[in-house]
Amino acid sequence: MVTSAFTGFSGPMNEVTFFAMTQARFPHAEISHIIRLGMATDTASILFMMLISPLLLRLLCVRTVINLCGVVWILTGAIGLIRFLQPIDVPQSK
């Protein structure tokens, strides 16, 4: 239940941080390319997980699969926080 609550925040919180990092780190001319790459990566990962989910549900019970998904999501977020711990330099507008 707790892991499900954590993963419920993934949609809006993922988009806010992704767009903030994209705008801060890339030139404006490249933003559309980065956004498309992000959308393609999200779609590919969803497709991959949909392909392996029947196998996971046959091997493990539903509760275990849901908990594993939550743990993977939390670990991914923690690794991202550790990797990008330094603050982002946002250029100030004049």
PDB file of N, CA and C in Angstrom:
ATOM      1  N   MET A   1       0.817  -1.189   0.000  1.00  0.00           N
ATOM      2  CA  MET A   1       0.000   0.000   0.000  1.00  0.00           C
ATOM      3  C   MET A   1       0.868   1.265   0.000  1.00  0.00           C
ATOM      4  N   VAL A   2       1.922   1.234   0.793  1.00  0.00           N
ATOM      5  CA  VAL A   2       2.806   2.394   0.879  1.00  0.00           C
ATOM      6  C   VAL A   2       3.524   2.607  -0.458  1.00  0.00           C
ATOM      7  N   THR A   3       3.990   1.521  -1.079  1.00  0.00           N
ATOM      8  CA  THR A   3       4.674   1.672  -2.365  1.00  0.00           C
ATOM      9  C   THR A   3       3.716   2.179  -3.428  1.00  0.00           C
ATOM     10  N   SER A   4       2.461   1.784  -3.353  1.00  0.00           N
ATOM     11  CA  SER A   4       1.473   2.298  -4.304  1.00  0.00           C
ATOM     12  C   SER A   4       1.250   3.792  -4.111  1.00  0.00           C
ATOM     13  N   ALA A   5       1.275   4.246  -2.870  1.00  0.00           N
ATOM     14  CA  ALA A   5       1.115   5.673  -2.603  1.00  0.00           C
ATOM     15  C   ALA A   5       2.295   6.459  -3.175  1.00  0.00           C
ATOM     16  N   PHE A   6       3.497   5.933  -3.024  1.00  0.00           N
ATOM     17  CA  PHE A   6       4.670   6.603  -3.584  1.00  0.00           C
ATOM     18  C   PHE A   6       4.603   6.662  -5.105  1.00  0.00           C
ATOM     19  N   THR A   7       4.211   5.569  -5.749  1.00  0.00           N
ATOM     20  CA  THR A   7       4.191   5.548  -7.202  1.00  0.00           C
ATOM     21  C   THR A   7       3.058   6.395  -7.768  1.00  0.00           C
ATOM     22  N   GLY A   8       2.061   6.722  -6.977  1.00  0.00           N
ATOM     23  CA  GLY A   8       0.975   7.570  -7.441  1.00  0.00           C
ATOM     24  C   GLY A   8       1.426   8.985  -7.778  1.00  0.00           C
ATOM     25  N   PHE A   9       2.531   9.417  -7.204  1.00  0.00           N
ATOM     26  CA  PHE A   9       3.057  10.754  -7.471  1.00  0.00           C
ATOM     27  C   PHE A   9       3.915  10.816  -8.731  1.00  0.00           C
ATOM     28  N   SER A  10       4.139   9.700  -9.376  1.00  0.00           N
ATOM     29  CA  SER A  10       5.108   9.651 -10.470  1.00  0.00           C
ATOM     30  C   SER A  10       4.718  10.508 -11.667  1.00  0.00           C
ATOM     31  N   GLY A  11       3.472  10.570 -12.030  1.00  0.00           N
ATOM     32  CA  GLY A  11       3.067  11.308 -13.215  1.00  0.00           C
ATOM     33  C   GLY A  11       3.380  12.789 -13.152  1.00  0.00           C
ATOM     34  N   PRO A  12       2.685  13.551 -12.316  1.00  0.00           N
ATOM     35  CA  PRO A  12       2.904  15.004 -12.277  1.00  0.00           C
ATOM     36  C   PRO A  12       4.305  15.384 -11.804  1.00  0.00           C
ATOM     37  N   MET A  13       4.810  14.708 -10.810  1.00  0.00           N
ATOM     38  CA  MET A  13       6.117  15.075 -10.277  1.00  0.00           C
ATOM     39  C   MET A  13       7.221  14.760 -11.286  1.00  0.00           C
ATOM     40  N   ASN A  14       7.064  13.704 -12.042  1.00  0.00           N
ATOM     41  CA  ASN A  14       8.042  13.367 -13.074  1.00  0.00           C
ATOM     42  C   ASN A  14       8.069  14.442 -14.152  1.00  0.00           C
ATOM     43  N   GLU A  15       6.909  14.896 -14.580  1.00  0.00           N
ATOM     44  CA  GLU A  15       6.848  15.891 -15.646  1.00  0.00           C
ATOM     45  C   GLU A  15       7.436  17.230 -15.212  1.00  0.00           C
ATOM     46  N   VAL A  16       7.147  17.652 -14.001  1.00  0.00           N
ATOM     47  CA  VAL A  16       7.650  18.942 -13.517  1.00  0.00           C
ATOM     48  C   VAL A  16       9.175  18.935 -13.474  1.00  0.00           C
ATOM     49  N   THR A  17       9.756  17.910 -12.895  1.00  0.00           N
ATOM     50  CA  THR A  17      11.213  17.859 -12.799  1.00  0.00           C
ATOM     51  C   THR A  17      11.857  17.673 -14.162  1.00  0.00           C
ATOM     52  N   PHE A  18      11.237  16.873 -15.023  1.00  0.00           N
ATOM     53  CA  PHE A  18      11.805  16.653 -16.360  1.00  0.00           C
ATOM     54  C   PHE A  18      11.849  17.950 -17.149  1.00  0.00           C
ATOM     55  N   PHE A  19      10.759  18.700 -17.130  1.00  0.00           N
ATOM     56  CA  PHE A  19      10.732  19.958 -17.882  1.00  0.00           C
ATOM     57  C   PHE A  19      11.668  21.004 -17.271  1.00  0.00           C
ATOM     58  N   ALA A  20      11.772  21.049 -15.966  1.00  0.00           N
ATOM     59  CA  ALA A  20      12.683  21.998 -15.319  1.00  0.00           C
ATOM     60  C   ALA A  20      14.132  21.690 -15.674  1.00  0.00           C
ATOM     61  N   MET A  21      14.503  20.409 -15.620  1.00  0.00           N
ATOM     62  CA  MET A  21      15.870  20.027 -15.969  1.00  0.00           C
ATOM     63  C   MET A  21      16.142  20.261 -17.451  1.00  0.00           C
ATOM     64  N   THR A  22      15.173  19.982 -18.296  1.00  0.00           N
ATOM     65  CA  THR A  22      15.354  20.166 -19.738  1.00  0.00           C
ATOM     66  C   THR A  22      15.581  21.633 -20.069  1.00  0.00           C
ATOM     67  N   GLN A  23      14.770  22.505 -19.509  1.00  0.00           N
ATOM     68  CA  GLN A  23      14.900  23.928 -19.798  1.00  0.00           C
ATOM     69  C   GLN A  23      16.189  24.500 -19.234  1.00  0.00           C
ATOM     70  N   ALA A  24      16.677  23.949 -18.137  1.00  0.00           N
ATOM     71  CA  ALA A  24      17.890  24.489 -17.517  1.00  0.00           C
ATOM     72  C   ALA A  24      19.167  23.979 -18.181  1.00  0.00           C
ATOM     73  N   ARG A  25      19.134  22.783 -18.746  1.00  0.00           N
ATOM     74  CA  ARG A  25      20.367  22.162 -19.219  1.00  0.00           C
ATOM     75  C   ARG A  25      20.577  22.185 -20.728  1.00  0.00           C
ATOM     76  N   PHE A  26      19.542  22.443 -21.505  1.00  0.00           N
ATOM     77  CA  PHE A  26      19.672  22.353 -22.951  1.00  0.00           C
ATOM     78  C   PHE A  26      19.293  23.671 -23.610  1.00  0.00           C
ATOM     79  N   PRO A  27      19.895  23.955 -24.782  1.00  0.00           N
ATOM     80  CA  PRO A  27      19.511  25.172 -25.508  1.00  0.00           C
ATOM     81  C   PRO A  27      18.067  25.073 -25.985  1.00  0.00           C
ATOM     82  N   HIS A  28      17.428  26.220 -26.138  1.00  0.00           N
ATOM     83  CA  HIS A  28      16.012  26.241 -26.507  1.00  0.00           C
ATOM     84  C   HIS A  28      15.742  25.546 -27.829  1.00  0.00           C
ATOM     85  N   ALA A  29      16.687  25.586 -28.757  1.00  0.00           N
ATOM     86  CA  ALA A  29      16.488  24.943 -30.062  1.00  0.00           C
ATOM     87  C   ALA A  29      16.435  23.421 -29.944  1.00  0.00           C
ATOM     88  N   GLU A  30      16.999  22.859 -28.883  1.00  0.00           N
ATOM     89  CA  GLU A  30      17.052  21.403 -28.722  1.00  0.00           C
ATOM     90  C   GLU A  30      15.946  20.855 -27.822  1.00  0.00           C
ATOM     91  N   ILE A  31      15.161  21.695 -27.205  1.00  0.00           N
ATOM     92  CA  ILE A  31      14.179  21.234 -26.227  1.00  0.00           C
ATOM     93  C   ILE A  31      13.163  20.292 -26.855  1.00  0.00           C
ATOM     94  N   SER A  32      12.692  20.594 -28.057  1.00  0.00           N
ATOM     95  CA  SER A  32      11.692  19.711 -28.679  1.00  0.00           C
ATOM     96  C   SER A  32      12.267  18.315 -28.934  1.00  0.00           C
ATOM     97  N   HIS A  33      13.548  18.237 -29.283  1.00  0.00           N
ATOM     98  CA  HIS A  33      14.180  16.932 -29.500  1.00  0.00           C
ATOM     99  C   HIS A  33      14.276  16.144 -28.187  1.00  0.00           C
ATOM    100  N   ILE A  34      14.625  16.836 -27.128  1.00  0.00           N
ATOM    101  CA  ILE A  34      14.749  16.187 -25.823  1.00  0.00           C
ATOM    102  C   ILE A  34      13.387  15.719 -25.330  1.00  0.00           C
ATOM    103  N   ILE A  35      12.361  16.532 -25.520  1.00  0.00           N
ATOM    104  CA  ILE A  35      11.011  16.149 -25.096  1.00  0.00           C
ATOM    105  C   ILE A  35      10.558  14.899 -25.855  1.00  0.00           C
ATOM    106  N   ARG A  36      10.802  14.880 -27.160  1.00  0.00           N
ATOM    107  CA  ARG A  36      10.435  13.700 -27.961  1.00  0.00           C
ATOM    108  C   ARG A  36      11.204  12.460 -27.521  1.00  0.00           C
ATOM    109  N   LEU A  37      12.492  12.629 -27.205  1.00  0.00           N
ATOM    110  CA  LEU A  37      13.281  11.504 -26.712  1.00  0.00           C
ATOM    111  C   LEU A  37      12.707  10.991 -25.390  1.00  0.00           C
ATOM    112  N   GLY A  38      12.332  11.911 -24.511  1.00  0.00           N
ATOM    113  CA  GLY A  38      11.721  11.505 -23.243  1.00  0.00           C
ATOM    114  C   GLY A  38      10.416  10.760 -23.440  1.00  0.00           C
ATOM    115  N   MET A  39       9.589  11.235 -24.358  1.00  0.00           N
ATOM    116  CA  MET A  39       8.322  10.561 -24.639  1.00  0.00           C
ATOM    117  C   MET A  39       8.556   9.170 -25.233  1.00  0.00           C
ATOM    118  N   ALA A  40       9.538   9.058 -26.124  1.00  0.00           N
ATOM    119  CA  ALA A  40       9.847   7.756 -26.720  1.00  0.00           C
ATOM    120  C   ALA A  40      10.380   6.783 -25.674  1.00  0.00           C
ATOM    121  N   THR A  41      11.228   7.287 -24.777  1.00  0.00           N
ATOM    122  CA  THR A  41      11.764   6.439 -23.709  1.00  0.00           C
ATOM    123  C   THR A  41      10.658   5.981 -22.769  1.00  0.00           C
ATOM    124  N   ASP A  42       9.766   6.889 -22.384  1.00  0.00           N
ATOM    125  CA  ASP A  42       8.637   6.516 -21.521  1.00  0.00           C
ATOM    126  C   ASP A  42       7.765   5.455 -22.185  1.00  0.00           C
ATOM    127  N   THR A  43       7.452   5.660 -23.459  1.00  0.00           N
ATOM    128  CA  THR A  43       6.596   4.722 -24.172  1.00  0.00           C
ATOM    129  C   THR A  43       7.268   3.361 -24.321  1.00  0.00           C
ATOM    130  N   ALA A  44       8.562   3.361 -24.625  1.00  0.00           N
ATOM    131  CA  ALA A  44       9.287   2.095 -24.765  1.00  0.00           C
ATOM    132  C   ALA A  44       9.350   1.333 -23.450  1.00  0.00           C
ATOM    133  N   SER A  45       9.561   2.039 -22.344  1.00  0.00           N
ATOM    134  CA  SER A  45       9.618   1.348 -21.052  1.00  0.00           C
ATOM    135  C   SER A  45       8.250   0.799 -20.662  1.00  0.00           C
ATOM    136  N   ILE A  46       7.185   1.530 -20.971  1.00  0.00           N
ATOM    137  CA  ILE A  46       5.838   1.028 -20.687  1.00  0.00           C
ATOM    138  C   ILE A  46       5.558  -0.212 -21.528  1.00  0.00           C
ATOM    139  N   LEU A  47       5.930  -0.181 -22.806  1.00  0.00           N
ATOM    140  CA  LEU A  47       5.728  -1.333 -23.675  1.00  0.00           C
ATOM    141  C   LEU A  47       6.496  -2.549 -23.163  1.00  0.00           C
ATOM    142  N   PHE A  48       7.744  -2.342 -22.763  1.00  0.00           N
ATOM    143  CA  PHE A  48       8.551  -3.443 -22.237  1.00  0.00           C
ATOM    144  C   PHE A  48       7.909  -4.049 -20.991  1.00  0.00           C
ATOM    145  N   MET A  49       7.458  -3.198 -20.085  1.00  0.00           N
ATOM    146  CA  MET A  49       6.844  -3.715 -18.857  1.00  0.00           C
ATOM    147  C   MET A  49       5.517  -4.423 -19.144  1.00  0.00           C
ATOM    148  N   MET A  50       4.772  -3.950 -20.136  1.00  0.00           N
ATOM    149  CA  MET A  50       3.532  -4.642 -20.504  1.00  0.00           C
ATOM    150  C   MET A  50       3.833  -6.010 -21.117  1.00  0.00           C
ATOM    151  N   LEU A  51       4.957  -6.113 -21.808  1.00  0.00           N
ATOM    152  CA  LEU A  51       5.325  -7.388 -22.404  1.00  0.00           C
ATOM    153  C   LEU A  51       5.746  -8.415 -21.359  1.00  0.00           C
ATOM    154  N   ILE A  52       6.449  -7.984 -20.319  1.00  0.00           N
ATOM    155  CA  ILE A  52       6.912  -8.952 -19.318  1.00  0.00           C
ATOM    156  C   ILE A  52       5.947  -9.133 -18.144  1.00  0.00           C
ATOM    157  N   SER A  53       4.920  -8.298 -18.048  1.00  0.00           N
ATOM    158  CA  SER A  53       4.017  -8.401 -16.896  1.00  0.00           C
ATOM    159  C   SER A  53       3.287  -9.745 -16.810  1.00  0.00           C
ATOM    160  N   PRO A  54       2.824 -10.353 -17.907  1.00  0.00           N
ATOM    161  CA  PRO A  54       2.186 -11.671 -17.746  1.00  0.00           C
ATOM    162  C   PRO A  54       3.136 -12.712 -17.156  1.00  0.00           C
ATOM    163  N   LEU A  55       4.393 -12.667 -17.568  1.00  0.00           N
ATOM    164  CA  LEU A  55       5.371 -13.612 -17.020  1.00  0.00           C
ATOM    165  C   LEU A  55       5.581 -13.367 -15.531  1.00  0.00           C
ATOM    166  N   LEU A  56       5.722 -12.103 -15.140  1.00  0.00           N
ATOM    167  CA  LEU A  56       5.910 -11.784 -13.725  1.00  0.00           C
ATOM    168  C   LEU A  56       4.712 -12.216 -12.892  1.00  0.00           C
ATOM    169  N   LEU A  57       3.505 -12.015 -13.428  1.00  0.00           N
ATOM    170  CA  LEU A  57       2.314 -12.378 -12.679  1.00  0.00           C
ATOM    171  C   LEU A  57       2.138 -13.894 -12.581  1.00  0.00           C
ATOM    172  N   ARG A  58       2.674 -14.632 -13.548  1.00  0.00           N
ATOM    173  CA  ARG A  58       2.634 -16.097 -13.449  1.00  0.00           C
ATOM    174  C   ARG A  58       3.651 -16.615 -12.438  1.00  0.00           C
ATOM    175  N   LEU A  59       4.817 -15.980 -12.396  1.00  0.00           N
ATOM    176  CA  LEU A  59       5.877 -16.434 -11.498  1.00  0.00           C
ATOM    177  C   LEU A  59       5.669 -15.983 -10.059  1.00  0.00           C
ATOM    178  N   LEU A  60       5.113 -14.794  -9.873  1.00  0.00           N
ATOM    179  CA  LEU A  60       4.941 -14.210  -8.549  1.00  0.00           C
ATOM    180  C   LEU A  60       3.471 -13.856  -8.341  1.00  0.00           C
ATOM    181  N   CYS A  61       3.079 -13.603  -7.119  1.00  0.00           N
ATOM    182  CA  CYS A  61       1.704 -13.175  -6.881  1.00  0.00           C
ATOM    183  C   CYS A  61       1.564 -11.679  -7.203  1.00  0.00           C
ATOM    184  N   VAL A  62       0.333 -11.236  -7.336  1.00  0.00           N
ATOM    185  CA  VAL A  62       0.050  -9.861  -7.732  1.00  0.00           C
ATOM    186  C   VAL A  62       0.630  -8.873  -6.715  1.00  0.00           C
ATOM    187  N   ARG A  63       0.459  -9.146  -5.459  1.00  0.00           N
ATOM    188  CA  ARG A  63       0.955  -8.239  -4.416  1.00  0.00           C
ATOM    189  C   ARG A  63       2.475  -8.081  -4.506  1.00  0.00           C
ATOM    190  N   THR A  64       3.176  -9.172  -4.750  1.00  0.00           N
ATOM    191  CA  THR A  64       4.630  -9.106  -4.853  1.00  0.00           C
ATOM    192  C   THR A  64       5.061  -8.292  -6.062  1.00  0.00           C
ATOM    193  N   VAL A  65       4.378  -8.462  -7.191  1.00  0.00           N
ATOM    194  CA  VAL A  65       4.713  -7.701  -8.394  1.00  0.00           C
ATOM    195  C   VAL A  65       4.486  -6.209  -8.164  1.00  0.00           C
ATOM    196  N   ILE A  66       3.377  -5.855  -7.539  1.00  0.00           N
ATOM    197  CA  ILE A  66       3.100  -4.439  -7.261  1.00  0.00           C
ATOM    198  C   ILE A  66       4.148  -3.861  -6.317  1.00  0.00           C
ATOM    199  N   ASN A  67       4.504  -4.613  -5.280  1.00  0.00           N
ATOM    200  CA  ASN A  67       5.525  -4.132  -4.348  1.00  0.00           C
ATOM    201  C   ASN A  67       6.881  -4.004  -5.025  1.00  0.00           C
ATOM    202  N   LEU A  68       7.233  -4.947  -5.893  1.00  0.00           N
ATOM    203  CA  LEU A  68       8.489  -4.849  -6.620  1.00  0.00           C
ATOM    204  C   LEU A  68       8.521  -3.621  -7.523  1.00  0.00           C
ATOM    205  N   CYS A  69       7.404  -3.325  -8.173  1.00  0.00           N
ATOM    206  CA  CYS A  69       7.331  -2.129  -9.007  1.00  0.00           C
ATOM    207  C   CYS A  69       7.566  -0.872  -8.174  1.00  0.00           C
ATOM    208  N   GLY A  70       6.964  -0.809  -7.009  1.00  0.00           N
ATOM    209  CA  GLY A  70       7.156   0.339  -6.125  1.00  0.00           C
ATOM    210  C   GLY A  70       8.589   0.463  -5.654  1.00  0.00           C
ATOM    211  N   VAL A  71       9.205  -0.662  -5.308  1.00  0.00           N
ATOM    212  CA  VAL A  71      10.591  -0.641  -4.852  1.00  0.00           C
ATOM    213  C   VAL A  71      11.515  -0.188  -5.979  1.00  0.00           C
ATOM    214  N   VAL A  72      11.293  -0.693  -7.189  1.00  0.00           N
ATOM    215  CA  VAL A  72      12.116  -0.277  -8.334  1.00  0.00           C
ATOM    216  C   VAL A  72      11.949   1.216  -8.578  1.00  0.00           C
ATOM    217  N   TRP A  73      10.721   1.723  -8.476  1.00  0.00           N
ATOM    218  CA  TRP A  73      10.473   3.143  -8.698  1.00  0.00           C
ATOM    219  C   TRP A  73      11.190   4.003  -7.656  1.00  0.00           C
ATOM    220  N   ILE A  74      11.102   3.598  -6.401  1.00  0.00           N
ATOM    221  CA  ILE A  74      11.760   4.352  -5.326  1.00  0.00           C
ATOM    222  C   ILE A  74      13.273   4.307  -5.479  1.00  0.00           C
ATOM    223  N   LEU A  75      13.827   3.138  -5.825  1.00  0.00           N
ATOM    224  CA  LEU A  75      15.268   3.030  -6.025  1.00  0.00           C
ATOM    225  C   LEU A  75      15.734   3.875  -7.205  1.00  0.00           C
ATOM    226  N   THR A  76      14.954   3.890  -8.272  1.00  0.00           N
ATOM    227  CA  THR A  76      15.304   4.716  -9.429  1.00  0.00           C
ATOM    228  C   THR A  76      15.331   6.194  -9.044  1.00  0.00           C
ATOM    229  N   GLY A  77      14.345   6.625  -8.289  1.00  0.00           N
ATOM    230  CA  GLY A  77      14.315   8.011  -7.828  1.00  0.00           C
ATOM    231  C   GLY A  77      15.480   8.335  -6.911  1.00  0.00           C
ATOM    232  N   ALA A  78      15.808   7.415  -6.012  1.00  0.00           N
ATOM    233  CA  ALA A  78      16.922   7.643  -5.087  1.00  0.00           C
ATOM    234  C   ALA A  78      18.244   7.715  -5.840  1.00  0.00           C
ATOM    235  N   ILE A  79      18.428   6.838  -6.818  1.00  0.00           N
ATOM    236  CA  ILE A  79      19.657   6.877  -7.616  1.00  0.00           C
ATOM    237  C   ILE A  79      19.740   8.188  -8.391  1.00  0.00           C
ATOM    238  N   GLY A  80      18.623   8.633  -8.938  1.00  0.00           N
ATOM    239  CA  GLY A  80      18.607   9.910  -9.649  1.00  0.00           C
ATOM    240  C   GLY A  80      18.931  11.073  -8.740  1.00  0.00           C
ATOM    241  N   LEU A  81      18.398  11.057  -7.518  1.00  0.00           N
ATOM    242  CA  LEU A  81      18.702  12.127  -6.571  1.00  0.00           C
ATOM    243  C   LEU A  81      20.172  12.137  -6.187  1.00  0.00           C
ATOM    244  N   ILE A  82      20.732  10.959  -5.977  1.00  0.00           N
ATOM    245  CA  ILE A  82      22.141  10.880  -5.604  1.00  0.00           C
ATOM    246  C   ILE A  82      23.023  11.329  -6.769  1.00  0.00           C
ATOM    247  N   ARG A  83      22.663  10.902  -7.966  1.00  0.00           N
ATOM    248  CA  ARG A  83      23.480  11.240  -9.135  1.00  0.00           C
ATOM    249  C   ARG A  83      23.447  12.734  -9.450  1.00  0.00           C
ATOM    250  N   PHE A  84      22.280  13.337  -9.327  1.00  0.00           N
ATOM    251  CA  PHE A  84      22.119  14.748  -9.669  1.00  0.00           C
ATOM    252  C   PHE A  84      21.937  15.594  -8.415  1.00  0.00           C
ATOM    253  N   LEU A  85      22.693  15.288  -7.382  1.00  0.00           N
ATOM    254  CA  LEU A  85      22.543  15.988  -6.108  1.00  0.00           C
ATOM    255  C   LEU A  85      22.953  17.450  -6.190  1.00  0.00           C
ATOM    256  N   GLN A  86      23.887  17.774  -7.066  1.00  0.00           N
ATOM    257  CA  GLN A  86      24.318  19.162  -7.180  1.00  0.00           C
ATOM    258  C   GLN A  86      23.172  20.005  -7.738  1.00  0.00           C
ATOM    259  N   PRO A  87      23.048  21.243  -7.299  1.00  0.00           N
ATOM    260  CA  PRO A  87      21.952  22.091  -7.782  1.00  0.00           C
ATOM    261  C   PRO A  87      22.126  22.446  -9.257  1.00  0.00           C
ATOM    262  N   ILE A  88      21.015  22.659  -9.919  1.00  0.00           N
ATOM    263  CA  ILE A  88      21.017  23.029 -11.330  1.00  0.00           C
ATOM    264  C   ILE A  88      21.225  24.534 -11.427  1.00  0.00           C
ATOM    265  N   ASP A  89      22.151  24.938 -12.277  1.00  0.00           N
ATOM    266  CA  ASP A  89      22.389  26.354 -12.531  1.00  0.00           C
ATOM    267  C   ASP A  89      21.343  26.870 -13.514  1.00  0.00           C
ATOM    268  N   VAL A  90      20.432  27.673 -13.040  1.00  0.00           N
ATOM    269  CA  VAL A  90      19.399  28.236 -13.910  1.00  0.00           C
ATOM    270  C   VAL A  90      19.810  29.651 -14.270  1.00  0.00           C
ATOM    271  N   PRO A  91      19.991  29.932 -15.565  1.00  0.00           N
ATOM    272  CA  PRO A  91      20.366  31.297 -15.952  1.00  0.00           C
ATOM    273  C   PRO A  91      19.247  32.283 -15.627  1.00  0.00           C
ATOM    274  N   GLN A  92      19.631  33.410 -15.067  1.00  0.00           N
ATOM    275  CA  GLN A  92      18.662  34.448 -14.707  1.00  0.00           C
ATOM    276  C   GLN A  92      18.327  35.289 -15.941  1.00  0.00           C
ATOM    277  N   SER A  93      17.057  35.559 -16.138  1.00  0.00           N
ATOM    278  CA  SER A  93      16.665  36.413 -17.262  1.00  0.00           C
ATOM    279  C   SER A  93      16.952  37.868 -16.913  1.00  0.00           C
ATOM    280  N   LYS A  94      17.265  38.647 -17.950  1.00  0.00           N
ATOM    281  CA  LYS A  94      17.629  40.051 -17.720  1.00  0.00           C
ATOM    282  C   LYS A  94      16.435  40.950 -17.765  1.00  0.00           C
TER     283      LYS A  94
END
